[in-house]
Amino acid sequence: MRNKATIGEYLAFLSIKYEVDPDQFFHALISAWENRESTCEDLLIACRKKMRDKAIFLVTRGHKVIAQFPIPNNFLLKETNPIAHSRNTDLIRRYLFKKANRRSHSLHVADLRTGMKQINLRAKVLEIPKPKCVFTRFGNYAAVTNALIADETGNTKLCLWNEQISSISEGDIIQIENARTSMFKGEQQLRITKNGKLSVIGSTESYHCH
């Protein structure tokens, strides 16, 4: 983002990403400019070098380098906070929209409604009933079962076909990606789409459901 953003937008992006107040961030930068170092929440801000018209700043969190960038002196001398102002630009609004959109697809069972698509969900496998052999509309036989899965908000059925059934076990913690919800015999269930993914990411010991 740094290459296509103004310095104000880049600092606004950092304040959003690391969840620091833009006013505190701006004052911390000024403090570091004047006193070499300052802190803002869990970020350490250091003024590494001062030049005639700008200064180089380094931002770290713990032992990790977050960013290093130059800031013009006239930016730091502004009377109103340019970081807060930059949070209202189109570039930052697009970033916030994408961030919110990504989060919206990572759901809990209680959030599910019939007709939803592109669902990402993490859950525990409670039960995998014995598969049934069915004749599909494609003219072939297939094994199918509706596994019972749950997270801390509730439980639902997950429709599994063929090799999906043997890929998971009761007690597994699974990650479901790109699924959709539908109704079958009066029950809501999750179905993994053609482009979806089902993977085991852990076991019962590392996860707790109510």
C-alpha atoms as a PDB file:
ATOM      1  CA  MET A   1       0.000   0.000   0.000  1.00  0.00           C
ATOM      2  CA  ARG A   2       2.890   2.368   0.698  1.00  0.00           C
ATOM      3  CA  ASN A   3       3.766   2.825  -2.982  1.00  0.00           C
ATOM      4  CA  LYS A   4       0.368   4.161  -4.025  1.00  0.00           C
ATOM      5  CA  ALA A   5      -0.549   6.050  -0.851  1.00  0.00           C
ATOM      6  CA  THR A   6       0.296   9.503   0.438  1.00  0.00           C
ATOM      7  CA  ILE A   7       2.209   9.593   3.730  1.00  0.00           C
ATOM      8  CA  GLY A   8      -1.034  10.525   5.495  1.00  0.00           C
ATOM      9  CA  GLU A   9      -2.878   7.566   3.980  1.00  0.00           C
ATOM     10  CA  TYR A  10      -0.018   5.204   4.804  1.00  0.00           C
ATOM     11  CA  LEU A  11       0.017   6.310   8.447  1.00  0.00           C
ATOM     12  CA  ALA A  12      -3.795   6.056   8.543  1.00  0.00           C
ATOM     13  CA  PHE A  13      -3.473   2.510   7.212  1.00  0.00           C
ATOM     14  CA  LEU A  14      -0.961   1.668   9.977  1.00  0.00           C
ATOM     15  CA  SER A  15      -3.214   3.143  12.661  1.00  0.00           C
ATOM     16  CA  ILE A  16      -6.139   1.020  11.439  1.00  0.00           C
ATOM     17  CA  LYS A  17      -4.132  -2.170  10.986  1.00  0.00           C
ATOM     18  CA  TYR A  18      -2.524  -1.987  14.424  1.00  0.00           C
ATOM     19  CA  GLU A  19      -5.636  -0.514  16.088  1.00  0.00           C
ATOM     20  CA  VAL A  20      -4.107   2.650  17.503  1.00  0.00           C
ATOM     21  CA  ASP A  21      -5.900   5.961  17.881  1.00  0.00           C
ATOM     22  CA  PRO A  22      -4.879   8.338  15.042  1.00  0.00           C
ATOM     23  CA  ASP A  23      -4.487  11.297  17.419  1.00  0.00           C
ATOM     24  CA  GLN A  24      -2.251   9.292  19.761  1.00  0.00           C
ATOM     25  CA  PHE A  25      -0.278   8.019  16.769  1.00  0.00           C
ATOM     26  CA  PHE A  26       0.286  11.525  15.391  1.00  0.00           C
ATOM     27  CA  HIS A  27       1.372  12.901  18.772  1.00  0.00           C
ATOM     28  CA  ALA A  28       3.671   9.894  19.270  1.00  0.00           C
ATOM     29  CA  LEU A  29       5.353  10.634  15.936  1.00  0.00           C
ATOM     30  CA  ILE A  30       5.865  14.264  16.954  1.00  0.00           C
ATOM     31  CA  SER A  31       7.232  13.151  20.327  1.00  0.00           C
ATOM     32  CA  ALA A  32       9.674  10.772  18.642  1.00  0.00           C
ATOM     33  CA  TRP A  33      10.709  13.549  16.250  1.00  0.00           C
ATOM     34  CA  GLU A  34      11.502  15.782  19.216  1.00  0.00           C
ATOM     35  CA  ASN A  35      12.813  13.196  21.690  1.00  0.00           C
ATOM     36  CA  ARG A  36      14.120  10.388  19.447  1.00  0.00           C
ATOM     37  CA  GLU A  37      11.706   7.756  20.807  1.00  0.00           C
ATOM     38  CA  SER A  38       8.105   7.410  21.946  1.00  0.00           C
ATOM     39  CA  THR A  39       5.450   4.749  22.401  1.00  0.00           C
ATOM     40  CA  CYS A  40       1.879   4.413  21.144  1.00  0.00           C
ATOM     41  CA  GLU A  41      -0.040   1.489  22.658  1.00  0.00           C
ATOM     42  CA  ASP A  42       2.323  -1.467  22.051  1.00  0.00           C
ATOM     43  CA  LEU A  43       4.224   0.244  19.225  1.00  0.00           C
ATOM     44  CA  LEU A  44       7.698   1.739  19.699  1.00  0.00           C
ATOM     45  CA  ILE A  45       8.361   4.709  17.420  1.00  0.00           C
ATOM     46  CA  ALA A  46      11.945   5.845  16.819  1.00  0.00           C
ATOM     47  CA  CYS A  47      13.184   8.805  14.831  1.00  0.00           C
ATOM     48  CA  ARG A  48      16.246   7.258  13.166  1.00  0.00           C
ATOM     49  CA  LYS A  49      17.536  10.251  11.253  1.00  0.00           C
ATOM     50  CA  LYS A  50      16.728  13.943  10.820  1.00  0.00           C
ATOM     51  CA  MET A  51      17.401  15.764   7.569  1.00  0.00           C
ATOM     52  CA  ARG A  52      16.800  19.292   6.395  1.00  0.00           C
ATOM     53  CA  ASP A  53      13.250  18.722   5.168  1.00  0.00           C
ATOM     54  CA  LYS A  54      12.269  15.287   6.514  1.00  0.00           C
ATOM     55  CA  ALA A  55      12.933  12.606   9.131  1.00  0.00           C
ATOM     56  CA  ILE A  56      13.175   8.806   8.948  1.00  0.00           C
ATOM     57  CA  PHE A  57      11.002   6.842  11.373  1.00  0.00           C
ATOM     58  CA  LEU A  58      11.100   3.208  12.439  1.00  0.00           C
ATOM     59  CA  VAL A  59       8.051   1.535  14.010  1.00  0.00           C
ATOM     60  CA  THR A  60       8.440  -1.753  15.871  1.00  0.00           C
ATOM     61  CA  ARG A  61       6.251  -3.982  18.015  1.00  0.00           C
ATOM     62  CA  GLY A  62       8.229  -6.247  20.305  1.00  0.00           C
ATOM     63  CA  HIS A  63      11.109  -7.538  18.201  1.00  0.00           C
ATOM     64  CA  LYS A  64       9.192  -7.159  14.928  1.00  0.00           C
ATOM     65  CA  VAL A  65       9.766  -4.248  12.549  1.00  0.00           C
ATOM     66  CA  ILE A  66       6.392  -2.870  11.454  1.00  0.00           C
ATOM     67  CA  ALA A  67       7.516  -0.148   9.068  1.00  0.00           C
ATOM     68  CA  GLN A  68      10.214   2.364   8.192  1.00  0.00           C
ATOM     69  CA  PHE A  69       9.382   5.521   6.281  1.00  0.00           C
ATOM     70  CA  PRO A  70      10.264   9.205   5.784  1.00  0.00           C
ATOM     71  CA  ILE A  71       7.921  11.956   6.953  1.00  0.00           C
ATOM     72  CA  PRO A  72       8.272  15.551   5.681  1.00  0.00           C
ATOM     73  CA  ASN A  73       8.824  18.078   8.448  1.00  0.00           C
ATOM     74  CA  ASN A  74       5.859  20.180   7.307  1.00  0.00           C
ATOM     75  CA  PHE A  75       3.599  17.132   7.827  1.00  0.00           C
ATOM     76  CA  LEU A  76       4.603  16.956  11.497  1.00  0.00           C
ATOM     77  CA  LEU A  77       4.094  20.698  11.930  1.00  0.00           C
ATOM     78  CA  LYS A  78       0.450  20.709  10.804  1.00  0.00           C
ATOM     79  CA  GLU A  79      -1.981  22.149  13.342  1.00  0.00           C
ATOM     80  CA  THR A  80      -4.693  19.575  12.634  1.00  0.00           C
ATOM     81  CA  ASN A  81      -4.050  15.837  12.565  1.00  0.00           C
ATOM     82  CA  PRO A  82      -3.421  14.825   8.921  1.00  0.00           C
ATOM     83  CA  ILE A  83      -3.629  11.114   9.817  1.00  0.00           C
ATOM     84  CA  ALA A  84      -7.213  11.401  11.024  1.00  0.00           C
ATOM     85  CA  HIS A  85      -8.090  13.427   7.920  1.00  0.00           C
ATOM     86  CA  SER A  86      -6.502  10.784   5.667  1.00  0.00           C
ATOM     87  CA  ARG A  87      -8.712   8.050   7.127  1.00  0.00           C
ATOM     88  CA  ASN A  88     -11.558   9.529   5.073  1.00  0.00           C
ATOM     89  CA  THR A  89      -9.884   9.206   1.675  1.00  0.00           C
ATOM     90  CA  ASP A  90     -11.140   6.833  -1.034  1.00  0.00           C
ATOM     91  CA  LEU A  91      -8.047   4.624  -0.704  1.00  0.00           C
ATOM     92  CA  ILE A  92      -8.582   4.046   3.018  1.00  0.00           C
ATOM     93  CA  ARG A  93     -12.346   3.577   2.569  1.00  0.00           C
ATOM     94  CA  ARG A  94     -11.667   0.866  -0.018  1.00  0.00           C
ATOM     95  CA  TYR A  95      -9.226  -0.821   2.392  1.00  0.00           C
ATOM     96  CA  LEU A  96     -11.796  -0.727   5.215  1.00  0.00           C
ATOM     97  CA  PHE A  97     -14.489  -2.116   2.909  1.00  0.00           C
ATOM     98  CA  LYS A  98     -12.281  -5.044   1.868  1.00  0.00           C
ATOM     99  CA  LYS A  99     -11.319  -5.687   5.494  1.00  0.00           C
ATOM    100  CA  ALA A 100     -14.972  -5.733   6.589  1.00  0.00           C
ATOM    101  CA  ASN A 101     -15.907  -7.929   3.633  1.00  0.00           C
ATOM    102  CA  ARG A 102     -13.247 -10.498   4.517  1.00  0.00           C
ATOM    103  CA  ARG A 103     -14.445 -10.614   8.102  1.00  0.00           C
ATOM    104  CA  SER A 104     -18.092 -10.968   7.087  1.00  0.00           C
ATOM    105  CA  HIS A 105     -17.374 -14.272   5.361  1.00  0.00           C
ATOM    106  CA  SER A 106     -15.761 -15.802   8.450  1.00  0.00           C
ATOM    107  CA  LEU A 107     -18.905 -16.803  10.298  1.00  0.00           C
ATOM    108  CA  HIS A 108     -20.191 -18.722  13.298  1.00  0.00           C
ATOM    109  CA  VAL A 109     -22.935 -21.340  13.150  1.00  0.00           C
ATOM    110  CA  ALA A 110     -25.410 -18.939  14.772  1.00  0.00           C
ATOM    111  CA  ASP A 111     -24.854 -16.498  11.887  1.00  0.00           C
ATOM    112  CA  LEU A 112     -25.945 -18.961   9.202  1.00  0.00           C
ATOM    113  CA  ARG A 113     -29.099 -18.274   7.203  1.00  0.00           C
ATOM    114  CA  THR A 114     -30.519 -20.271   4.307  1.00  0.00           C
ATOM    115  CA  GLY A 115     -29.247 -19.028   0.957  1.00  0.00           C
ATOM    116  CA  MET A 116     -25.899 -17.699   2.158  1.00  0.00           C
ATOM    117  CA  LYS A 117     -22.884 -18.222  -0.094  1.00  0.00           C
ATOM    118  CA  GLN A 118     -19.078 -17.978   0.163  1.00  0.00           C
ATOM    119  CA  ILE A 119     -19.138 -19.047   3.803  1.00  0.00           C
ATOM    120  CA  ASN A 120     -15.951 -19.710   5.767  1.00  0.00           C
ATOM    121  CA  LEU A 121     -16.458 -21.530   9.041  1.00  0.00           C
ATOM    122  CA  ARG A 122     -14.411 -23.318  11.714  1.00  0.00           C
ATOM    123  CA  ALA A 123     -16.112 -26.049  13.727  1.00  0.00           C
ATOM    124  CA  LYS A 124     -15.770 -29.338  15.606  1.00  0.00           C
ATOM    125  CA  VAL A 125     -17.059 -32.588  14.118  1.00  0.00           C
ATOM    126  CA  LEU A 126     -19.502 -34.118  16.622  1.00  0.00           C
ATOM    127  CA  GLU A 127     -20.918 -36.998  14.614  1.00  0.00           C
ATOM    128  CA  ILE A 128     -20.531 -38.648  11.214  1.00  0.00           C
ATOM    129  CA  PRO A 129     -23.484 -40.983  10.534  1.00  0.00           C
ATOM    130  CA  LYS A 130     -23.012 -44.073   8.376  1.00  0.00           C
ATOM    131  CA  PRO A 131     -23.049 -42.974   4.710  1.00  0.00           C
ATOM    132  CA  LYS A 132     -25.896 -43.864   2.399  1.00  0.00           C
ATOM    133  CA  CYS A 133     -25.495 -44.915  -1.225  1.00  0.00           C
ATOM    134  CA  VAL A 134     -27.624 -42.768  -3.528  1.00  0.00           C
ATOM    135  CA  PHE A 135     -28.213 -42.564  -7.267  1.00  0.00           C
ATOM    136  CA  THR A 136     -27.372 -39.006  -8.334  1.00  0.00           C
ATOM    137  CA  ARG A 137     -28.875 -36.853 -11.070  1.00  0.00           C
ATOM    138  CA  PHE A 138     -25.600 -37.307 -12.943  1.00  0.00           C
ATOM    139  CA  GLY A 139     -26.413 -40.989 -13.447  1.00  0.00           C
ATOM    140  CA  ASN A 140     -23.958 -42.498 -10.987  1.00  0.00           C
ATOM    141  CA  TYR A 141     -23.921 -43.847  -7.425  1.00  0.00           C
ATOM    142  CA  ALA A 142     -22.350 -41.861  -4.588  1.00  0.00           C
ATOM    143  CA  ALA A 143     -21.919 -42.070  -0.830  1.00  0.00           C
ATOM    144  CA  VAL A 144     -23.453 -39.224   1.175  1.00  0.00           C
ATOM    145  CA  THR A 145     -23.953 -38.333   4.830  1.00  0.00           C
ATOM    146  CA  ASN A 146     -24.838 -35.297   6.913  1.00  0.00           C
ATOM    147  CA  ALA A 147     -22.231 -34.796   9.599  1.00  0.00           C
ATOM    148  CA  LEU A 148     -23.117 -32.871  12.740  1.00  0.00           C
ATOM    149  CA  ILE A 149     -20.682 -30.017  13.388  1.00  0.00           C
ATOM    150  CA  ALA A 150     -20.617 -27.311  16.066  1.00  0.00           C
ATOM    151  CA  ASP A 151     -18.842 -24.243  17.332  1.00  0.00           C
ATOM    152  CA  GLU A 152     -19.369 -22.216  20.492  1.00  0.00           C
ATOM    153  CA  THR A 153     -22.591 -20.690  19.078  1.00  0.00           C
ATOM    154  CA  GLY A 154     -24.506 -23.794  17.990  1.00  0.00           C
ATOM    155  CA  ASN A 155     -24.553 -26.782  15.670  1.00  0.00           C
ATOM    156  CA  THR A 156     -25.574 -27.574  12.089  1.00  0.00           C
ATOM    157  CA  LYS A 157     -25.407 -30.320   9.496  1.00  0.00           C
ATOM    158  CA  LEU A 158     -22.612 -30.532   6.937  1.00  0.00           C
ATOM    159  CA  CYS A 159     -23.341 -32.500   3.765  1.00  0.00           C
ATOM    160  CA  LEU A 160     -20.409 -34.739   2.828  1.00  0.00           C
ATOM    161  CA  TRP A 161     -19.890 -36.733  -0.349  1.00  0.00           C
ATOM    162  CA  ASN A 162     -17.601 -39.652  -1.209  1.00  0.00           C
ATOM    163  CA  GLU A 163     -13.960 -38.929  -0.271  1.00  0.00           C
ATOM    164  CA  GLN A 164     -14.995 -35.961   1.888  1.00  0.00           C
ATOM    165  CA  ILE A 165     -16.509 -38.454   4.349  1.00  0.00           C
ATOM    166  CA  SER A 166     -13.272 -40.338   4.946  1.00  0.00           C
ATOM    167  CA  SER A 167     -11.171 -37.150   5.050  1.00  0.00           C
ATOM    168  CA  ILE A 168     -12.455 -36.174   8.523  1.00  0.00           C
ATOM    169  CA  SER A 169     -13.194 -37.957  11.814  1.00  0.00           C
ATOM    170  CA  GLU A 170     -15.371 -37.321  14.857  1.00  0.00           C
ATOM    171  CA  GLY A 171     -13.531 -34.942  17.198  1.00  0.00           C
ATOM    172  CA  ASP A 172     -11.647 -33.176  14.395  1.00  0.00           C
ATOM    173  CA  ILE A 173     -11.562 -29.400  14.185  1.00  0.00           C
ATOM    174  CA  ILE A 174     -12.265 -28.511  10.568  1.00  0.00           C
ATOM    175  CA  GLN A 175     -11.975 -25.412   8.426  1.00  0.00           C
ATOM    176  CA  ILE A 176     -14.691 -25.044   5.780  1.00  0.00           C
ATOM    177  CA  GLU A 177     -14.129 -22.588   2.940  1.00  0.00           C
ATOM    178  CA  ASN A 178     -16.486 -21.372   0.234  1.00  0.00           C
ATOM    179  CA  ALA A 179     -19.610 -23.217   1.393  1.00  0.00           C
ATOM    180  CA  ARG A 180     -23.292 -22.358   1.014  1.00  0.00           C
ATOM    181  CA  THR A 181     -26.422 -23.019   3.064  1.00  0.00           C
ATOM    182  CA  SER A 182     -29.552 -24.765   1.835  1.00  0.00           C
ATOM    183  CA  MET A 183     -32.639 -26.520   3.185  1.00  0.00           C
ATOM    184  CA  PHE A 184     -33.023 -30.304   2.941  1.00  0.00           C
ATOM    185  CA  LYS A 185     -36.046 -32.092   4.401  1.00  0.00           C
ATOM    186  CA  GLY A 186     -36.817 -29.078   6.564  1.00  0.00           C
ATOM    187  CA  GLU A 187     -33.283 -28.797   7.974  1.00  0.00           C
ATOM    188  CA  GLN A 188     -30.689 -26.172   7.192  1.00  0.00           C
ATOM    189  CA  GLN A 189     -27.355 -27.624   6.131  1.00  0.00           C
ATOM    190  CA  LEU A 190     -23.983 -26.534   4.853  1.00  0.00           C
ATOM    191  CA  ARG A 191     -22.787 -27.719   1.453  1.00  0.00           C
ATOM    192  CA  ILE A 192     -19.240 -27.271   0.212  1.00  0.00           C
ATOM    193  CA  THR A 193     -19.252 -25.814  -3.303  1.00  0.00           C
ATOM    194  CA  LYS A 194     -17.282 -27.048  -6.294  1.00  0.00           C
ATOM    195  CA  ASN A 195     -14.558 -24.488  -5.513  1.00  0.00           C
ATOM    196  CA  GLY A 196     -14.799 -25.043  -1.764  1.00  0.00           C
ATOM    197  CA  LYS A 197     -12.351 -26.659   0.611  1.00  0.00           C
ATOM    198  CA  LEU A 198     -12.580 -28.900   3.667  1.00  0.00           C
ATOM    199  CA  SER A 199      -9.500 -29.363   5.857  1.00  0.00           C
ATOM    200  CA  VAL A 200      -8.632 -30.700   9.308  1.00  0.00           C
ATOM    201  CA  ILE A 201      -6.795 -28.076  11.372  1.00  0.00           C
ATOM    202  CA  GLY A 202      -6.752 -29.613  14.850  1.00  0.00           C
ATOM    203  CA  SER A 203      -8.281 -31.934  17.390  1.00  0.00           C
ATOM    204  CA  THR A 204     -10.681 -31.642  20.310  1.00  0.00           C
ATOM    205  CA  GLU A 205      -7.864 -30.889  22.755  1.00  0.00           C
ATOM    206  CA  SER A 206      -7.214 -27.509  21.119  1.00  0.00           C
ATOM    207  CA  TYR A 207     -10.839 -26.397  20.835  1.00  0.00           C
ATOM    208  CA  HIS A 208     -13.840 -26.119  23.121  1.00  0.00           C
ATOM    209  CA  CYS A 209     -17.521 -26.138  22.163  1.00  0.00           C
ATOM    210  CA  HIS A 210     -20.521 -25.660  24.404  1.00  0.00           C
END
